[in-house]
């Protein structure tokens, strides 16, 4: 691939970015990539800039960012502005959301462990049918 501006077909671009051709087309259809140049026979040709952009999209998705958030970051970069502060803020929000989800999971695990302890010690024959199941 090498030089900026060097054109590659969709399969090669997708492989270079670590994704499928279907994913690449999806990102193009949803405005995260500029439309590819087309050859005379209709094949899509992509540049090294597109592969860099795909790599960023993949990294953003791996960080848990939504496509709309990734689109915002790409828009800022396309406008010539460094998106670093915006990315920092998005990641701070992502961390807060993850911390909240972890706290909820820890609480759920404690509740399930308590129910399991009750179930492990209980006699199923003593179950109150009116309560459906006494374990929970």
N, C-alpha and C. Protein backbone atom coordinates (compact mmCIF):
# COMPACT_ATOMS: atom_id res chain seq x y z
N UNK A 1 0.84 -1.16 0.00
CA UNK A 1 0.00 0.00 0.00
C UNK A 1 0.88 1.22 0.00
N UNK A 2 1.59 1.51 1.08
CA UNK A 2 2.65 2.49 1.08
C UNK A 2 2.26 3.93 0.88
N UNK A 3 2.27 4.44 -0.34
CA UNK A 3 2.16 5.86 -0.62
C UNK A 3 0.75 6.39 -0.44
N UNK A 4 0.69 7.65 0.00
CA UNK A 4 -0.59 8.34 0.10
C UNK A 4 -1.17 8.44 -1.31
N UNK A 5 -2.47 8.15 -1.40
CA UNK A 5 -3.12 8.24 -2.69
C UNK A 5 -3.12 6.95 -3.48
N UNK A 6 -2.34 5.98 -3.09
CA UNK A 6 -2.30 4.69 -3.76
C UNK A 6 -3.68 4.04 -3.63
N UNK A 7 -4.23 3.57 -4.72
CA UNK A 7 -5.59 3.04 -4.72
C UNK A 7 -5.59 1.52 -4.55
N UNK A 8 -6.51 1.05 -3.72
CA UNK A 8 -6.69 -0.39 -3.52
C UNK A 8 -8.18 -0.70 -3.60
N UNK A 9 -8.48 -1.94 -3.90
CA UNK A 9 -9.87 -2.40 -3.99
C UNK A 9 -10.43 -2.65 -2.59
N UNK A 10 -11.72 -2.84 -2.54
CA UNK A 10 -12.45 -2.92 -1.28
C UNK A 10 -11.93 -4.05 -0.38
N UNK A 11 -11.67 -5.22 -0.94
CA UNK A 11 -11.21 -6.35 -0.13
C UNK A 11 -9.87 -6.07 0.53
N UNK A 12 -8.96 -5.49 -0.24
CA UNK A 12 -7.64 -5.17 0.30
C UNK A 12 -7.73 -4.07 1.35
N UNK A 13 -8.57 -3.07 1.12
CA UNK A 13 -8.75 -2.00 2.10
C UNK A 13 -9.35 -2.55 3.39
N UNK A 14 -10.34 -3.42 3.26
CA UNK A 14 -10.98 -4.01 4.44
C UNK A 14 -9.98 -4.84 5.23
N UNK A 15 -9.21 -5.67 4.55
CA UNK A 15 -8.20 -6.49 5.24
C UNK A 15 -7.17 -5.62 5.95
N UNK A 16 -6.73 -4.57 5.27
CA UNK A 16 -5.72 -3.68 5.85
C UNK A 16 -6.24 -3.00 7.11
N UNK A 17 -7.56 -2.77 7.17
CA UNK A 17 -8.16 -2.11 8.33
C UNK A 17 -8.67 -3.11 9.37
N UNK A 18 -8.55 -4.40 9.08
CA UNK A 18 -8.98 -5.42 10.03
C UNK A 18 -10.48 -5.57 10.13
N UNK A 19 -11.16 -5.44 9.00
CA UNK A 19 -12.61 -5.61 8.99
C UNK A 19 -13.05 -6.26 7.68
N UNK A 20 -14.34 -6.45 7.54
CA UNK A 20 -14.87 -7.08 6.34
C UNK A 20 -15.24 -6.02 5.31
N UNK A 21 -15.37 -6.47 4.08
CA UNK A 21 -15.84 -5.58 3.01
C UNK A 21 -17.25 -5.08 3.31
N UNK A 22 -18.07 -5.94 3.90
CA UNK A 22 -19.43 -5.55 4.27
C UNK A 22 -19.40 -4.40 5.27
N UNK A 23 -18.51 -4.47 6.28
CA UNK A 23 -18.39 -3.40 7.26
C UNK A 23 -17.94 -2.11 6.58
N UNK A 24 -16.99 -2.21 5.69
CA UNK A 24 -16.50 -1.05 4.97
C UNK A 24 -17.64 -0.39 4.20
N UNK A 25 -18.44 -1.17 3.50
CA UNK A 25 -19.58 -0.62 2.75
C UNK A 25 -20.59 0.03 3.71
N UNK A 26 -20.81 -0.61 4.85
CA UNK A 26 -21.72 -0.07 5.87
C UNK A 26 -21.26 1.31 6.31
N UNK A 27 -19.98 1.45 6.63
CA UNK A 27 -19.46 2.74 7.08
C UNK A 27 -19.54 3.79 5.98
N UNK A 28 -19.34 3.36 4.76
CA UNK A 28 -19.46 4.28 3.63
C UNK A 28 -20.91 4.74 3.48
N UNK A 29 -21.85 3.80 3.56
CA UNK A 29 -23.27 4.13 3.42
C UNK A 29 -23.76 5.05 4.53
N UNK A 30 -23.14 4.95 5.71
CA UNK A 30 -23.56 5.76 6.85
C UNK A 30 -22.74 7.03 7.04
N UNK A 31 -21.99 7.40 6.02
CA UNK A 31 -21.33 8.69 6.01
C UNK A 31 -20.06 8.80 6.83
N UNK A 32 -19.50 7.69 7.28
CA UNK A 32 -18.25 7.75 8.04
C UNK A 32 -17.04 7.76 7.11
N UNK A 33 -17.27 7.38 5.88
CA UNK A 33 -16.22 7.40 4.86
C UNK A 33 -16.71 8.21 3.67
N UNK A 34 -15.81 8.89 3.02
CA UNK A 34 -16.22 9.54 1.77
C UNK A 34 -16.51 8.46 0.73
N UNK A 35 -17.35 8.77 -0.21
CA UNK A 35 -17.66 7.81 -1.27
C UNK A 35 -16.37 7.43 -2.00
N UNK A 36 -16.25 6.16 -2.27
CA UNK A 36 -15.05 5.67 -2.96
C UNK A 36 -15.08 6.08 -4.42
N UNK A 37 -13.90 6.26 -4.96
CA UNK A 37 -13.80 6.48 -6.40
C UNK A 37 -14.15 5.16 -7.08
N UNK A 38 -14.77 5.25 -8.23
CA UNK A 38 -15.17 4.05 -8.96
C UNK A 38 -14.34 3.93 -10.23
N UNK A 39 -13.95 2.69 -10.52
CA UNK A 39 -13.25 2.43 -11.77
C UNK A 39 -14.28 2.38 -12.89
N UNK A 40 -13.81 2.30 -14.12
CA UNK A 40 -14.70 2.26 -15.28
C UNK A 40 -15.66 1.07 -15.19
N UNK A 41 -15.21 -0.04 -14.59
CA UNK A 41 -16.08 -1.21 -14.48
C UNK A 41 -16.88 -1.23 -13.17
N UNK A 42 -16.85 -0.13 -12.40
CA UNK A 42 -17.69 -0.01 -11.21
C UNK A 42 -17.06 -0.45 -9.91
N UNK A 43 -15.83 -0.95 -9.93
CA UNK A 43 -15.18 -1.35 -8.69
C UNK A 43 -14.85 -0.13 -7.84
N UNK A 44 -14.97 -0.29 -6.53
CA UNK A 44 -14.58 0.78 -5.61
C UNK A 44 -13.07 0.76 -5.42
N UNK A 45 -12.46 1.93 -5.45
CA UNK A 45 -11.04 2.08 -5.15
C UNK A 45 -10.89 2.99 -3.94
N UNK A 46 -10.02 2.60 -3.01
CA UNK A 46 -9.82 3.34 -1.78
C UNK A 46 -8.36 3.76 -1.64
N UNK A 47 -8.16 4.87 -0.91
CA UNK A 47 -6.81 5.39 -0.69
C UNK A 47 -6.30 4.99 0.69
N UNK A 48 -5.04 5.27 0.95
CA UNK A 48 -4.47 5.00 2.27
C UNK A 48 -5.15 5.85 3.33
N UNK A 49 -5.65 7.04 2.96
CA UNK A 49 -6.38 7.87 3.91
C UNK A 49 -7.65 7.17 4.37
N UNK A 50 -8.31 6.47 3.45
CA UNK A 50 -9.51 5.73 3.80
C UNK A 50 -9.17 4.61 4.77
N UNK A 51 -8.07 3.93 4.54
CA UNK A 51 -7.66 2.85 5.43
C UNK A 51 -7.35 3.40 6.82
N UNK A 52 -6.70 4.56 6.90
CA UNK A 52 -6.43 5.19 8.19
C UNK A 52 -7.74 5.53 8.90
N UNK A 53 -8.69 6.02 8.13
CA UNK A 53 -9.99 6.37 8.69
C UNK A 53 -10.72 5.12 9.20
N UNK A 54 -10.65 4.04 8.43
CA UNK A 54 -11.25 2.77 8.86
C UNK A 54 -10.60 2.26 10.13
N UNK A 55 -9.28 2.39 10.21
CA UNK A 55 -8.57 1.97 11.41
C UNK A 55 -9.05 2.77 12.61
N UNK A 56 -9.24 4.08 12.43
CA UNK A 56 -9.76 4.90 13.52
C UNK A 56 -11.17 4.45 13.91
N UNK A 57 -12.02 4.18 12.95
CA UNK A 57 -13.39 3.72 13.23
C UNK A 57 -13.34 2.43 14.03
N UNK A 58 -12.49 1.50 13.63
CA UNK A 58 -12.35 0.22 14.35
C UNK A 58 -11.90 0.46 15.78
N UNK A 59 -10.92 1.35 15.97
CA UNK A 59 -10.43 1.65 17.32
C UNK A 59 -11.50 2.33 18.16
N UNK A 60 -12.25 3.23 17.53
CA UNK A 60 -13.35 3.89 18.24
C UNK A 60 -14.41 2.91 18.69
N UNK A 61 -14.77 1.98 17.81
CA UNK A 61 -15.76 0.95 18.18
C UNK A 61 -15.22 0.07 19.30
N UNK A 62 -13.92 -0.26 19.24
CA UNK A 62 -13.31 -1.08 20.30
C UNK A 62 -13.34 -0.35 21.64
N UNK A 63 -13.34 0.98 21.62
CA UNK A 63 -13.41 1.77 22.85
C UNK A 63 -14.86 1.96 23.31
N UNK A 64 -15.80 1.38 22.56
CA UNK A 64 -17.19 1.44 22.95
C UNK A 64 -17.92 2.67 22.47
N UNK A 65 -17.31 3.44 21.57
CA UNK A 65 -17.98 4.63 21.07
C UNK A 65 -19.06 4.26 20.06
N UNK A 66 -20.14 5.00 20.09
CA UNK A 66 -21.23 4.80 19.13
C UNK A 66 -20.83 5.40 17.79
N UNK A 67 -21.45 4.92 16.73
CA UNK A 67 -21.14 5.45 15.40
C UNK A 67 -21.38 6.96 15.33
N UNK A 68 -22.42 7.45 16.00
CA UNK A 68 -22.68 8.89 16.00
C UNK A 68 -21.52 9.65 16.64
N UNK A 69 -20.96 9.10 17.70
CA UNK A 69 -19.82 9.75 18.36
C UNK A 69 -18.59 9.72 17.45
N UNK A 70 -18.38 8.61 16.78
CA UNK A 70 -17.25 8.49 15.85
C UNK A 70 -17.44 9.48 14.70
N UNK A 71 -18.67 9.60 14.22
CA UNK A 71 -18.96 10.54 13.15
C UNK A 71 -18.64 11.97 13.59
N UNK A 72 -18.97 12.33 14.84
CA UNK A 72 -18.65 13.66 15.37
C UNK A 72 -17.14 13.91 15.35
N UNK A 73 -16.38 12.92 15.79
CA UNK A 73 -14.93 13.05 15.83
C UNK A 73 -14.37 13.23 14.42
N UNK A 74 -14.85 12.42 13.49
CA UNK A 74 -14.40 12.52 12.11
C UNK A 74 -14.77 13.89 11.52
N UNK A 75 -15.95 14.38 11.86
CA UNK A 75 -16.37 15.69 11.38
C UNK A 75 -15.42 16.78 11.87
N UNK A 76 -15.07 16.73 13.15
CA UNK A 76 -14.14 17.72 13.69
C UNK A 76 -12.81 17.67 12.96
N UNK A 77 -12.30 16.45 12.73
CA UNK A 77 -11.02 16.31 12.03
C UNK A 77 -11.14 16.81 10.60
N UNK A 78 -12.25 16.47 9.95
CA UNK A 78 -12.46 16.91 8.57
C UNK A 78 -12.56 18.43 8.46
N UNK A 79 -13.03 19.07 9.54
CA UNK A 79 -13.12 20.53 9.57
C UNK A 79 -11.77 21.16 9.85
N UNK A 80 -10.74 20.33 10.10
CA UNK A 80 -9.41 20.84 10.37
C UNK A 80 -9.14 21.11 11.83
N UNK A 81 -10.06 20.66 12.70
CA UNK A 81 -9.89 20.86 14.14
C UNK A 81 -9.44 19.56 14.79
N UNK A 82 -8.54 19.67 15.75
CA UNK A 82 -8.10 18.49 16.51
C UNK A 82 -9.25 18.06 17.43
N UNK A 83 -9.68 16.82 17.35
CA UNK A 83 -10.82 16.37 18.15
C UNK A 83 -10.43 15.86 19.54
N UNK A 84 -9.20 16.10 19.95
CA UNK A 84 -8.67 15.48 21.18
C UNK A 84 -9.49 15.81 22.43
N UNK A 85 -9.87 17.06 22.61
CA UNK A 85 -10.66 17.43 23.79
C UNK A 85 -12.02 16.76 23.74
N UNK A 86 -12.63 16.72 22.58
CA UNK A 86 -13.92 16.06 22.42
C UNK A 86 -13.79 14.56 22.72
N UNK A 87 -12.74 13.95 22.22
CA UNK A 87 -12.52 12.52 22.47
C UNK A 87 -12.31 12.28 23.97
N UNK A 88 -11.52 13.14 24.60
CA UNK A 88 -11.30 13.00 26.05
C UNK A 88 -12.62 13.04 26.80
N UNK A 89 -13.49 13.97 26.44
CA UNK A 89 -14.79 14.09 27.09
C UNK A 89 -15.68 12.87 26.83
N UNK A 90 -15.65 12.38 25.60
CA UNK A 90 -16.43 11.17 25.28
C UNK A 90 -15.94 9.98 26.09
N UNK A 91 -14.62 9.85 26.19
CA UNK A 91 -14.06 8.73 26.95
C UNK A 91 -14.37 8.85 28.44
N UNK A 92 -14.38 10.08 28.97
CA UNK A 92 -14.76 10.29 30.37
C UNK A 92 -16.20 9.83 30.60
N UNK A 93 -17.08 10.17 29.66
CA UNK A 93 -18.46 9.71 29.74
C UNK A 93 -18.56 8.20 29.65
N UNK A 94 -17.76 7.62 28.78
CA UNK A 94 -17.74 6.17 28.61
C UNK A 94 -17.29 5.50 29.92
N UNK A 95 -16.26 6.07 30.55
CA UNK A 95 -15.79 5.52 31.82
C UNK A 95 -16.86 5.61 32.91
N UNK A 96 -17.55 6.74 32.98
CA UNK A 96 -18.62 6.90 33.96
C UNK A 96 -19.73 5.87 33.72
N UNK A 97 -20.10 5.69 32.46
CA UNK A 97 -21.13 4.69 32.13
C UNK A 97 -20.68 3.29 32.52
N UNK A 98 -19.43 2.96 32.22
CA UNK A 98 -18.91 1.64 32.57
C UNK A 98 -18.87 1.44 34.08
N UNK A 99 -18.44 2.47 34.82
CA UNK A 99 -18.42 2.36 36.28
C UNK A 99 -19.82 2.12 36.83
N UNK A 100 -20.83 2.80 36.27
CA UNK A 100 -22.20 2.60 36.71
C UNK A 100 -22.68 1.19 36.39
N UNK A 101 -22.34 0.70 35.20
CA UNK A 101 -22.73 -0.67 34.82
C UNK A 101 -22.06 -1.69 35.72
N UNK A 102 -20.79 -1.46 36.05
CA UNK A 102 -20.07 -2.39 36.93
C UNK A 102 -20.71 -2.39 38.31
N UNK A 103 -21.06 -1.21 38.83
CA UNK A 103 -21.71 -1.13 40.14
C UNK A 103 -23.04 -1.88 40.13
N UNK A 104 -23.81 -1.73 39.04
CA UNK A 104 -25.08 -2.45 38.93
C UNK A 104 -24.84 -3.95 38.88
N UNK A 105 -23.82 -4.38 38.15
CA UNK A 105 -23.52 -5.82 38.06
C UNK A 105 -23.04 -6.37 39.40
N UNK A 106 -22.25 -5.60 40.14
CA UNK A 106 -21.79 -6.05 41.46
C UNK A 106 -22.99 -6.21 42.39
N UNK A 107 -23.92 -5.26 42.36
CA UNK A 107 -25.12 -5.35 43.19
C UNK A 107 -25.98 -6.55 42.77
N UNK A 108 -26.13 -6.75 41.46
CA UNK A 108 -26.90 -7.89 40.97
C UNK A 108 -26.25 -9.20 41.38
N UNK A 109 -24.92 -9.27 41.28
CA UNK A 109 -24.22 -10.49 41.67
C UNK A 109 -24.44 -10.80 43.15
N UNK A 110 -24.38 -9.76 43.99
CA UNK A 110 -24.61 -9.96 45.42
C UNK A 110 -26.03 -10.49 45.67
N UNK A 111 -27.01 -9.93 44.97
CA UNK A 111 -28.39 -10.39 45.13
C UNK A 111 -28.54 -11.84 44.68
N UNK A 112 -27.98 -12.16 43.53
CA UNK A 112 -28.07 -13.54 43.01
C UNK A 112 -27.34 -14.50 43.93
N UNK A 113 -26.19 -14.12 44.46
CA UNK A 113 -25.45 -14.97 45.40
C UNK A 113 -26.29 -15.22 46.65
N UNK A 114 -27.00 -14.18 47.12
CA UNK A 114 -27.88 -14.37 48.28
C UNK A 114 -29.01 -15.33 47.98
N UNK A 115 -29.65 -15.16 46.82
CA UNK A 115 -30.72 -16.08 46.42
C UNK A 115 -30.19 -17.50 46.28
N UNK A 116 -29.02 -17.62 45.72
CA UNK A 116 -28.43 -18.96 45.54
C UNK A 116 -28.15 -19.60 46.89
N UNK A 117 -27.64 -18.84 47.84
CA UNK A 117 -27.37 -19.38 49.18
C UNK A 117 -28.66 -19.88 49.83
N UNK A 118 -29.73 -19.12 49.66
CA UNK A 118 -31.03 -19.54 50.20
C UNK A 118 -31.47 -20.83 49.51
N UNK A 119 -31.34 -20.88 48.19
CA UNK A 119 -31.76 -22.06 47.42
C UNK A 119 -30.92 -23.28 47.80
N UNK A 120 -29.63 -23.08 47.99
CA UNK A 120 -28.74 -24.21 48.32
C UNK A 120 -29.06 -24.79 49.68
N UNK A 121 -29.55 -23.96 50.61
CA UNK A 121 -29.81 -24.43 51.97
C UNK A 121 -31.27 -24.87 52.17
N UNK A 122 -32.13 -24.57 51.23
CA UNK A 122 -33.56 -24.81 51.40
C UNK A 122 -33.96 -26.23 51.05
N UNK A 123 -35.09 -26.60 51.57
CA UNK A 123 -35.69 -27.90 51.26
C UNK A 123 -36.79 -27.64 50.23
N UNK A 124 -36.65 -28.15 49.00
CA UNK A 124 -37.67 -27.91 47.97
C UNK A 124 -39.07 -28.38 48.37
N UNK A 125 -39.13 -29.37 49.24
CA UNK A 125 -40.45 -29.87 49.69
C UNK A 125 -41.17 -28.84 50.55
N UNK A 126 -40.42 -27.90 51.13
CA UNK A 126 -41.03 -26.90 52.01
C UNK A 126 -41.41 -25.63 51.25
N UNK A 127 -41.31 -25.67 49.95
CA UNK A 127 -41.60 -24.49 49.13
C UNK A 127 -43.08 -24.12 49.22
N UNK A 128 -43.37 -22.85 49.46
CA UNK A 128 -44.73 -22.34 49.54
C UNK A 128 -45.26 -22.11 48.13
N UNK A 129 -46.21 -22.90 47.70
CA UNK A 129 -46.75 -22.83 46.34
C UNK A 129 -47.37 -21.46 46.06
N UNK A 130 -47.86 -20.79 47.06
CA UNK A 130 -48.47 -19.48 46.85
C UNK A 130 -47.42 -18.44 46.46
N UNK A 131 -46.16 -18.69 46.80
CA UNK A 131 -45.07 -17.76 46.47
C UNK A 131 -44.41 -18.14 45.14
N UNK A 132 -44.92 -19.17 44.48
CA UNK A 132 -44.42 -19.72 43.21
C UNK A 132 -43.08 -20.40 43.43
N UNK A 133 -42.08 -19.67 43.93
CA UNK A 133 -40.80 -20.25 44.32
C UNK A 133 -40.27 -19.41 45.48
N UNK A 134 -39.95 -20.03 46.58
CA UNK A 134 -39.50 -19.31 47.77
C UNK A 134 -38.07 -18.84 47.66
N UNK A 135 -37.36 -19.28 46.66
CA UNK A 135 -35.93 -18.91 46.54
C UNK A 135 -35.75 -17.45 46.15
N UNK A 136 -36.71 -16.92 45.41
CA UNK A 136 -36.61 -15.51 44.99
C UNK A 136 -37.91 -14.78 45.31
